[in-house]
Amino acid sequence: MAFVITSPCKDEKAAECVEVCPVECIEEGEDMYYIDPDICIDCGACEAVCPVEAIYHEDDVPDAEKEYIELNRKFFQS
């Protein structure tokens, strides 16, 4: 399991999450940040500092935001 960044981050990109991530698994995309699910250690540091509440544990992503689970994965497949 990993944390997932969802739509509130889109065009926001505050970056507090990047600063606190101990394993550097968060990368900047064109319009938002993404969490690499293969590197994320599930610590939750990013979730606690997100000013727009865009980060959820994969199991807790709201139904309306579920597409972001796959978007995060796909970002790191290229």
PDB file of N, CA and C in Angstrom:
ATOM      1  N   MET A   1       0.836  -1.194   0.000  1.00  0.00           N
ATOM      2  CA  MET A   1       0.000   0.000   0.000  1.00  0.00           C
ATOM      3  C   MET A   1       0.874   1.249   0.000  1.00  0.00           C
ATOM      4  N   ALA A   2       0.286   2.333  -0.445  1.00  0.00           N
ATOM      5  CA  ALA A   2       1.017   3.597  -0.524  1.00  0.00           C
ATOM      6  C   ALA A   2       0.026   4.743  -0.352  1.00  0.00           C
ATOM      7  N   PHE A   3       0.566   5.919  -0.278  1.00  0.00           N
ATOM      8  CA  PHE A   3      -0.271   7.109  -0.259  1.00  0.00           C
ATOM      9  C   PHE A   3      -0.460   7.589  -1.692  1.00  0.00           C
ATOM     10  N   VAL A   4      -1.554   8.298  -1.921  1.00  0.00           N
ATOM     11  CA  VAL A   4      -1.929   8.745  -3.259  1.00  0.00           C
ATOM     12  C   VAL A   4      -2.257  10.228  -3.205  1.00  0.00           C
ATOM     13  N   ILE A   5      -1.783  10.964  -4.195  1.00  0.00           N
ATOM     14  CA  ILE A   5      -2.111  12.387  -4.310  1.00  0.00           C
ATOM     15  C   ILE A   5      -3.293  12.518  -5.267  1.00  0.00           C
ATOM     16  N   THR A   6      -4.290  13.291  -4.862  1.00  0.00           N
ATOM     17  CA  THR A   6      -5.536  13.400  -5.619  1.00  0.00           C
ATOM     18  C   THR A   6      -5.750  14.809  -6.177  1.00  0.00           C
ATOM     19  N   SER A   7      -6.926  15.051  -6.723  1.00  0.00           N
ATOM     20  CA  SER A   7      -7.220  16.266  -7.489  1.00  0.00           C
ATOM     21  C   SER A   7      -6.968  17.613  -6.811  1.00  0.00           C
ATOM     22  N   PRO A   8      -7.114  17.764  -5.498  1.00  0.00           N
ATOM     23  CA  PRO A   8      -6.834  19.086  -4.921  1.00  0.00           C
ATOM     24  C   PRO A   8      -5.410  19.580  -5.195  1.00  0.00           C
ATOM     25  N   CYS A   9      -4.497  18.668  -5.489  1.00  0.00           N
ATOM     26  CA  CYS A   9      -3.109  19.058  -5.792  1.00  0.00           C
ATOM     27  C   CYS A   9      -2.983  19.635  -7.195  1.00  0.00           C
ATOM     28  N   LYS A  10      -3.886  19.256  -8.062  1.00  0.00           N
ATOM     29  CA  LYS A  10      -3.804  19.679  -9.461  1.00  0.00           C
ATOM     30  C   LYS A  10      -3.717  21.204  -9.539  1.00  0.00           C
ATOM     31  N   ASP A  11      -2.687  21.679 -10.176  1.00  0.00           N
ATOM     32  CA  ASP A  11      -2.396  23.102 -10.344  1.00  0.00           C
ATOM     33  C   ASP A  11      -2.069  23.831  -9.036  1.00  0.00           C
ATOM     34  N   GLU A  12      -1.997  23.130  -7.916  1.00  0.00           N
ATOM     35  CA  GLU A  12      -1.645  23.733  -6.627  1.00  0.00           C
ATOM     36  C   GLU A  12      -0.139  23.602  -6.391  1.00  0.00           C
ATOM     37  N   LYS A  13       0.316  22.365  -6.333  1.00  0.00           N
ATOM     38  CA  LYS A  13       1.729  22.033  -6.190  1.00  0.00           C
ATOM     39  C   LYS A  13       2.438  22.821  -5.091  1.00  0.00           C
ATOM     40  N   ALA A  14       1.929  22.732  -3.880  1.00  0.00           N
ATOM     41  CA  ALA A  14       2.519  23.451  -2.749  1.00  0.00           C
ATOM     42  C   ALA A  14       3.890  22.902  -2.358  1.00  0.00           C
ATOM     43  N   ALA A  15       4.122  21.610  -2.493  1.00  0.00           N
ATOM     44  CA  ALA A  15       5.418  20.947  -2.304  1.00  0.00           C
ATOM     45  C   ALA A  15       5.844  20.677  -0.865  1.00  0.00           C
ATOM     46  N   GLU A  16       5.017  20.970   0.122  1.00  0.00           N
ATOM     47  CA  GLU A  16       5.386  20.612   1.486  1.00  0.00           C
ATOM     48  C   GLU A  16       5.625  19.112   1.601  1.00  0.00           C
ATOM     49  N   CYS A  17       4.859  18.336   0.842  1.00  0.00           N
ATOM     50  CA  CYS A  17       4.987  16.873   0.887  1.00  0.00           C
ATOM     51  C   CYS A  17       6.374  16.416   0.445  1.00  0.00           C
ATOM     52  N   VAL A  18       6.903  17.056  -0.568  1.00  0.00           N
ATOM     53  CA  VAL A  18       8.225  16.692  -1.081  1.00  0.00           C
ATOM     54  C   VAL A  18       9.289  16.934  -0.015  1.00  0.00           C
ATOM     55  N   GLU A  19       9.157  18.032   0.693  1.00  0.00           N
ATOM     56  CA  GLU A  19      10.140  18.418   1.700  1.00  0.00           C
ATOM     57  C   GLU A  19      10.206  17.450   2.876  1.00  0.00           C
ATOM     58  N   VAL A  20       9.075  16.812   3.230  1.00  0.00           N
ATOM     59  CA  VAL A  20       9.059  15.947   4.406  1.00  0.00           C
ATOM     60  C   VAL A  20       9.216  14.460   4.091  1.00  0.00           C
ATOM     61  N   CYS A  21       9.157  14.079   2.847  1.00  0.00           N
ATOM     62  CA  CYS A  21       9.230  12.659   2.493  1.00  0.00           C
ATOM     63  C   CYS A  21      10.629  12.102   2.780  1.00  0.00           C
ATOM     64  N   PRO A  22      10.731  11.107   3.672  1.00  0.00           N
ATOM     65  CA  PRO A  22      12.050  10.577   4.035  1.00  0.00           C
ATOM     66  C   PRO A  22      12.692   9.690   2.965  1.00  0.00           C
ATOM     67  N   VAL A  23      11.912   9.232   1.990  1.00  0.00           N
ATOM     68  CA  VAL A  23      12.455   8.338   0.963  1.00  0.00           C
ATOM     69  C   VAL A  23      12.420   8.946  -0.441  1.00  0.00           C
ATOM     70  N   GLU A  24      12.063  10.208  -0.516  1.00  0.00           N
ATOM     71  CA  GLU A  24      12.040  10.942  -1.787  1.00  0.00           C
ATOM     72  C   GLU A  24      11.246  10.216  -2.871  1.00  0.00           C
ATOM     73  N   CYS A  25      10.017   9.809  -2.521  1.00  0.00           N
ATOM     74  CA  CYS A  25       9.185   9.089  -3.473  1.00  0.00           C
ATOM     75  C   CYS A  25       8.178   9.982  -4.186  1.00  0.00           C
ATOM     76  N   ILE A  26       8.201  11.281  -3.909  1.00  0.00           N
ATOM     77  CA  ILE A  26       7.247  12.203  -4.522  1.00  0.00           C
ATOM     78  C   ILE A  26       7.946  13.004  -5.607  1.00  0.00           C
ATOM     79  N   GLU A  27       7.357  12.947  -6.806  1.00  0.00           N
ATOM     80  CA  GLU A  27       7.950  13.646  -7.945  1.00  0.00           C
ATOM     81  C   GLU A  27       6.948  14.607  -8.565  1.00  0.00           C
ATOM     82  N   GLU A  28       7.481  15.665  -9.115  1.00  0.00           N
ATOM     83  CA  GLU A  28       6.654  16.684  -9.741  1.00  0.00           C
ATOM     84  C   GLU A  28       6.307  16.296 -11.167  1.00  0.00           C
ATOM     85  N   GLY A  29       5.015  16.352 -11.472  1.00  0.00           N
ATOM     86  CA  GLY A  29       4.532  16.140 -12.823  1.00  0.00           C
ATOM     87  C   GLY A  29       4.224  17.481 -13.456  1.00  0.00           C
ATOM     88  N   GLU A  30       3.593  17.454 -14.602  1.00  0.00           N
ATOM     89  CA  GLU A  30       3.289  18.690 -15.321  1.00  0.00           C
ATOM     90  C   GLU A  30       2.348  19.609 -14.543  1.00  0.00           C
ATOM     91  N   ASP A  31       1.322  19.019 -13.904  1.00  0.00           N
ATOM     92  CA  ASP A  31       0.345  19.852 -13.208  1.00  0.00           C
ATOM     93  C   ASP A  31       0.083  19.467 -11.754  1.00  0.00           C
ATOM     94  N   MET A  32       0.796  18.446 -11.258  1.00  0.00           N
ATOM     95  CA  MET A  32       0.630  18.032  -9.866  1.00  0.00           C
ATOM     96  C   MET A  32       1.799  17.136  -9.470  1.00  0.00           C
ATOM     97  N   TYR A  33       1.832  16.748  -8.197  1.00  0.00           N
ATOM     98  CA  TYR A  33       2.843  15.812  -7.712  1.00  0.00           C
ATOM     99  C   TYR A  33       2.279  14.400  -7.701  1.00  0.00           C
ATOM    100  N   TYR A  34       3.191  13.425  -7.730  1.00  0.00           N
ATOM    101  CA  TYR A  34       2.814  12.016  -7.724  1.00  0.00           C
ATOM    102  C   TYR A  34       3.692  11.261  -6.735  1.00  0.00           C
ATOM    103  N   ILE A  35       3.117  10.219  -6.128  1.00  0.00           N
ATOM    104  CA  ILE A  35       3.847   9.379  -5.178  1.00  0.00           C
ATOM    105  C   ILE A  35       4.125   8.036  -5.834  1.00  0.00           C
ATOM    106  N   ASP A  36       5.387   7.651  -5.846  1.00  0.00           N
ATOM    107  CA  ASP A  36       5.771   6.364  -6.423  1.00  0.00           C
ATOM    108  C   ASP A  36       5.369   5.262  -5.440  1.00  0.00           C
ATOM    109  N   PRO A  37       4.392   4.417  -5.813  1.00  0.00           N
ATOM    110  CA  PRO A  37       3.914   3.389  -4.881  1.00  0.00           C
ATOM    111  C   PRO A  37       4.950   2.317  -4.579  1.00  0.00           C
ATOM    112  N   ASP A  38       5.960   2.175  -5.425  1.00  0.00           N
ATOM    113  CA  ASP A  38       6.992   1.172  -5.185  1.00  0.00           C
ATOM    114  C   ASP A  38       8.053   1.646  -4.193  1.00  0.00           C
ATOM    115  N   ILE A  39       8.127   2.962  -3.970  1.00  0.00           N
ATOM    116  CA  ILE A  39       9.127   3.515  -3.054  1.00  0.00           C
ATOM    117  C   ILE A  39       8.499   3.967  -1.728  1.00  0.00           C
ATOM    118  N   CYS A  40       7.246   4.396  -1.770  1.00  0.00           N
ATOM    119  CA  CYS A  40       6.557   4.894  -0.577  1.00  0.00           C
ATOM    120  C   CYS A  40       6.631   3.869   0.552  1.00  0.00           C
ATOM    121  N   ILE A  41       7.016   4.332   1.744  1.00  0.00           N
ATOM    122  CA  ILE A  41       7.124   3.441   2.905  1.00  0.00           C
ATOM    123  C   ILE A  41       5.914   3.558   3.826  1.00  0.00           C
ATOM    124  N   ASP A  42       4.892   4.269   3.370  1.00  0.00           N
ATOM    125  CA  ASP A  42       3.625   4.334   4.094  1.00  0.00           C
ATOM    126  C   ASP A  42       3.752   5.027   5.446  1.00  0.00           C
ATOM    127  N   CYS A  43       4.616   6.043   5.520  1.00  0.00           N
ATOM    128  CA  CYS A  43       4.856   6.704   6.808  1.00  0.00           C
ATOM    129  C   CYS A  43       3.809   7.765   7.148  1.00  0.00           C
ATOM    130  N   GLY A  44       3.176   8.359   6.117  1.00  0.00           N
ATOM    131  CA  GLY A  44       2.141   9.352   6.368  1.00  0.00           C
ATOM    132  C   GLY A  44       2.631  10.774   6.572  1.00  0.00           C
ATOM    133  N   ALA A  45       3.925  11.002   6.498  1.00  0.00           N
ATOM    134  CA  ALA A  45       4.453  12.354   6.710  1.00  0.00           C
ATOM    135  C   ALA A  45       3.869  13.339   5.697  1.00  0.00           C
ATOM    136  N   CYS A  46       3.708  12.910   4.473  1.00  0.00           N
ATOM    137  CA  CYS A  46       3.196  13.783   3.416  1.00  0.00           C
ATOM    138  C   CYS A  46       1.746  14.179   3.671  1.00  0.00           C
ATOM    139  N   GLU A  47       0.949  13.218   4.098  1.00  0.00           N
ATOM    140  CA  GLU A  47      -0.469  13.469   4.350  1.00  0.00           C
ATOM    141  C   GLU A  47      -0.645  14.553   5.409  1.00  0.00           C
ATOM    142  N   ALA A  48       0.169  14.507   6.443  1.00  0.00           N
ATOM    143  CA  ALA A  48       0.041  15.433   7.566  1.00  0.00           C
ATOM    144  C   ALA A  48       0.340  16.880   7.188  1.00  0.00           C
ATOM    145  N   VAL A  49       1.177  17.114   6.178  1.00  0.00           N
ATOM    146  CA  VAL A  49       1.569  18.487   5.849  1.00  0.00           C
ATOM    147  C   VAL A  49       0.881  19.065   4.609  1.00  0.00           C
ATOM    148  N   CYS A  50       0.095  18.278   3.921  1.00  0.00           N
ATOM    149  CA  CYS A  50      -0.541  18.764   2.685  1.00  0.00           C
ATOM    150  C   CYS A  50      -1.549  19.871   3.004  1.00  0.00           C
ATOM    151  N   PRO A  51      -1.316  21.094   2.507  1.00  0.00           N
ATOM    152  CA  PRO A  51      -2.194  22.211   2.840  1.00  0.00           C
ATOM    153  C   PRO A  51      -3.562  22.151   2.160  1.00  0.00           C
ATOM    154  N   VAL A  52      -3.698  21.318   1.116  1.00  0.00           N
ATOM    155  CA  VAL A  52      -4.982  21.225   0.409  1.00  0.00           C
ATOM    156  C   VAL A  52      -5.669  19.877   0.639  1.00  0.00           C
ATOM    157  N   GLU A  53      -5.121  19.075   1.558  1.00  0.00           N
ATOM    158  CA  GLU A  53      -5.689  17.772   1.916  1.00  0.00           C
ATOM    159  C   GLU A  53      -5.915  16.895   0.682  1.00  0.00           C
ATOM    160  N   ALA A  54      -4.887  16.800  -0.154  1.00  0.00           N
ATOM    161  CA  ALA A  54      -4.969  16.032  -1.393  1.00  0.00           C
ATOM    162  C   ALA A  54      -4.404  14.624  -1.251  1.00  0.00           C
ATOM    163  N   ILE A  55      -3.793  14.309  -0.120  1.00  0.00           N
ATOM    164  CA  ILE A  55      -3.089  13.036   0.032  1.00  0.00           C
ATOM    165  C   ILE A  55      -3.868  12.104   0.960  1.00  0.00           C
ATOM    166  N   TYR A  56      -4.068  10.876   0.449  1.00  0.00           N
ATOM    167  CA  TYR A  56      -4.801   9.857   1.198  1.00  0.00           C
ATOM    168  C   TYR A  56      -4.030   8.544   1.150  1.00  0.00           C
ATOM    169  N   HIS A  57      -4.206   7.741   2.190  1.00  0.00           N
ATOM    170  CA  HIS A  57      -3.729   6.372   2.108  1.00  0.00           C
ATOM    171  C   HIS A  57      -4.562   5.706   1.013  1.00  0.00           C
ATOM    172  N   GLU A  58      -3.949   4.828   0.256  1.00  0.00           N
ATOM    173  CA  GLU A  58      -4.636   4.199  -0.879  1.00  0.00           C
ATOM    174  C   GLU A  58      -5.990   3.606  -0.491  1.00  0.00           C
ATOM    175  N   ASP A  59      -6.099   3.027   0.675  1.00  0.00           N
ATOM    176  CA  ASP A  59      -7.360   2.431   1.129  1.00  0.00           C
ATOM    177  C   ASP A  59      -8.425   3.469   1.462  1.00  0.00           C
ATOM    178  N   ASP A  60      -8.022   4.716   1.674  1.00  0.00           N
ATOM    179  CA  ASP A  60      -8.944   5.757   2.110  1.00  0.00           C
ATOM    180  C   ASP A  60      -9.276   6.789   1.030  1.00  0.00           C
ATOM    181  N   VAL A  61      -8.806   6.594  -0.184  1.00  0.00           N
ATOM    182  CA  VAL A  61      -9.087   7.547  -1.264  1.00  0.00           C
ATOM    183  C   VAL A  61     -10.596   7.578  -1.490  1.00  0.00           C
ATOM    184  N   PRO A  62     -11.207   8.772  -1.484  1.00  0.00           N
ATOM    185  CA  PRO A  62     -12.654   8.866  -1.714  1.00  0.00           C
ATOM    186  C   PRO A  62     -13.033   8.289  -3.088  1.00  0.00           C
ATOM    187  N   ASP A  63     -14.222   7.743  -3.182  1.00  0.00           N
ATOM    188  CA  ASP A  63     -14.674   7.126  -4.430  1.00  0.00           C
ATOM    189  C   ASP A  63     -14.516   8.049  -5.630  1.00  0.00           C
ATOM    190  N   ALA A  64     -14.818   9.321  -5.463  1.00  0.00           N
ATOM    191  CA  ALA A  64     -14.729  10.278  -6.569  1.00  0.00           C
ATOM    192  C   ALA A  64     -13.292  10.530  -7.015  1.00  0.00           C
ATOM    193  N   GLU A  65     -12.319  10.097  -6.223  1.00  0.00           N
ATOM    194  CA  GLU A  65     -10.904  10.334  -6.515  1.00  0.00           C
ATOM    195  C   GLU A  65     -10.144   9.047  -6.857  1.00  0.00           C
ATOM    196  N   LYS A  66     -10.828   7.918  -6.945  1.00  0.00           N
ATOM    197  CA  LYS A  66     -10.181   6.611  -7.154  1.00  0.00           C
ATOM    198  C   LYS A  66      -9.306   6.577  -8.406  1.00  0.00           C
ATOM    199  N   GLU A  67      -9.655   7.350  -9.436  1.00  0.00           N
ATOM    200  CA  GLU A  67      -8.859   7.344 -10.669  1.00  0.00           C
ATOM    201  C   GLU A  67      -7.412   7.781 -10.412  1.00  0.00           C
ATOM    202  N   TYR A  68      -7.187   8.531  -9.347  1.00  0.00           N
ATOM    203  CA  TYR A  68      -5.845   9.025  -9.047  1.00  0.00           C
ATOM    204  C   TYR A  68      -4.914   7.918  -8.553  1.00  0.00           C
ATOM    205  N   ILE A  69      -5.469   6.823  -8.070  1.00  0.00           N
ATOM    206  CA  ILE A  69      -4.626   5.686  -7.685  1.00  0.00           C
ATOM    207  C   ILE A  69      -3.881   5.197  -8.924  1.00  0.00           C
ATOM    208  N   GLU A  70      -4.611   4.993 -10.004  1.00  0.00           N
ATOM    209  CA  GLU A  70      -3.992   4.514 -11.241  1.00  0.00           C
ATOM    210  C   GLU A  70      -3.133   5.595 -11.894  1.00  0.00           C
ATOM    211  N   LEU A  71      -3.559   6.857 -11.814  1.00  0.00           N
ATOM    212  CA  LEU A  71      -2.754   7.943 -12.388  1.00  0.00           C
ATOM    213  C   LEU A  71      -1.380   8.024 -11.719  1.00  0.00           C
ATOM    214  N   ASN A  72      -1.339   7.842 -10.401  1.00  0.00           N
ATOM    215  CA  ASN A  72      -0.055   7.845  -9.689  1.00  0.00           C
ATOM    216  C   ASN A  72       0.832   6.695 -10.177  1.00  0.00           C
ATOM    217  N   ARG A  73       0.238   5.518 -10.320  1.00  0.00           N
ATOM    218  CA  ARG A  73       1.012   4.353 -10.782  1.00  0.00           C
ATOM    219  C   ARG A  73       1.543   4.572 -12.199  1.00  0.00           C
ATOM    220  N   LYS A  74       0.656   5.033 -13.076  1.00  0.00           N
ATOM    221  CA  LYS A  74       1.035   5.224 -14.489  1.00  0.00           C
ATOM    222  C   LYS A  74       2.141   6.253 -14.647  1.00  0.00           C
ATOM    223  N   PHE A  75       2.153   7.268 -13.813  1.00  0.00           N
ATOM    224  CA  PHE A  75       3.177   8.307 -13.902  1.00  0.00           C
ATOM    225  C   PHE A  75       4.570   7.710 -13.789  1.00  0.00           C
ATOM    226  N   PHE A  76       4.718   6.684 -12.988  1.00  0.00           N
ATOM    227  CA  PHE A  76       6.030   6.085 -12.762  1.00  0.00           C
ATOM    228  C   PHE A  76       6.325   4.914 -13.690  1.00  0.00           C
ATOM    229  N   GLN A  77       5.406   4.561 -14.563  1.00  0.00           N
ATOM    230  CA  GLN A  77       5.635   3.469 -15.509  1.00  0.00           C
ATOM    231  C   GLN A  77       6.317   3.941 -16.777  1.00  0.00           C
ATOM    232  N   SER A  78       6.340   5.236 -17.009  1.00  0.00           N
ATOM    233  CA  SER A  78       6.933   5.731 -18.256  1.00  0.00           C
ATOM    234  C   SER A  78       8.437   5.913 -18.152  1.00  0.00           C
TER     235      SER A  78
END
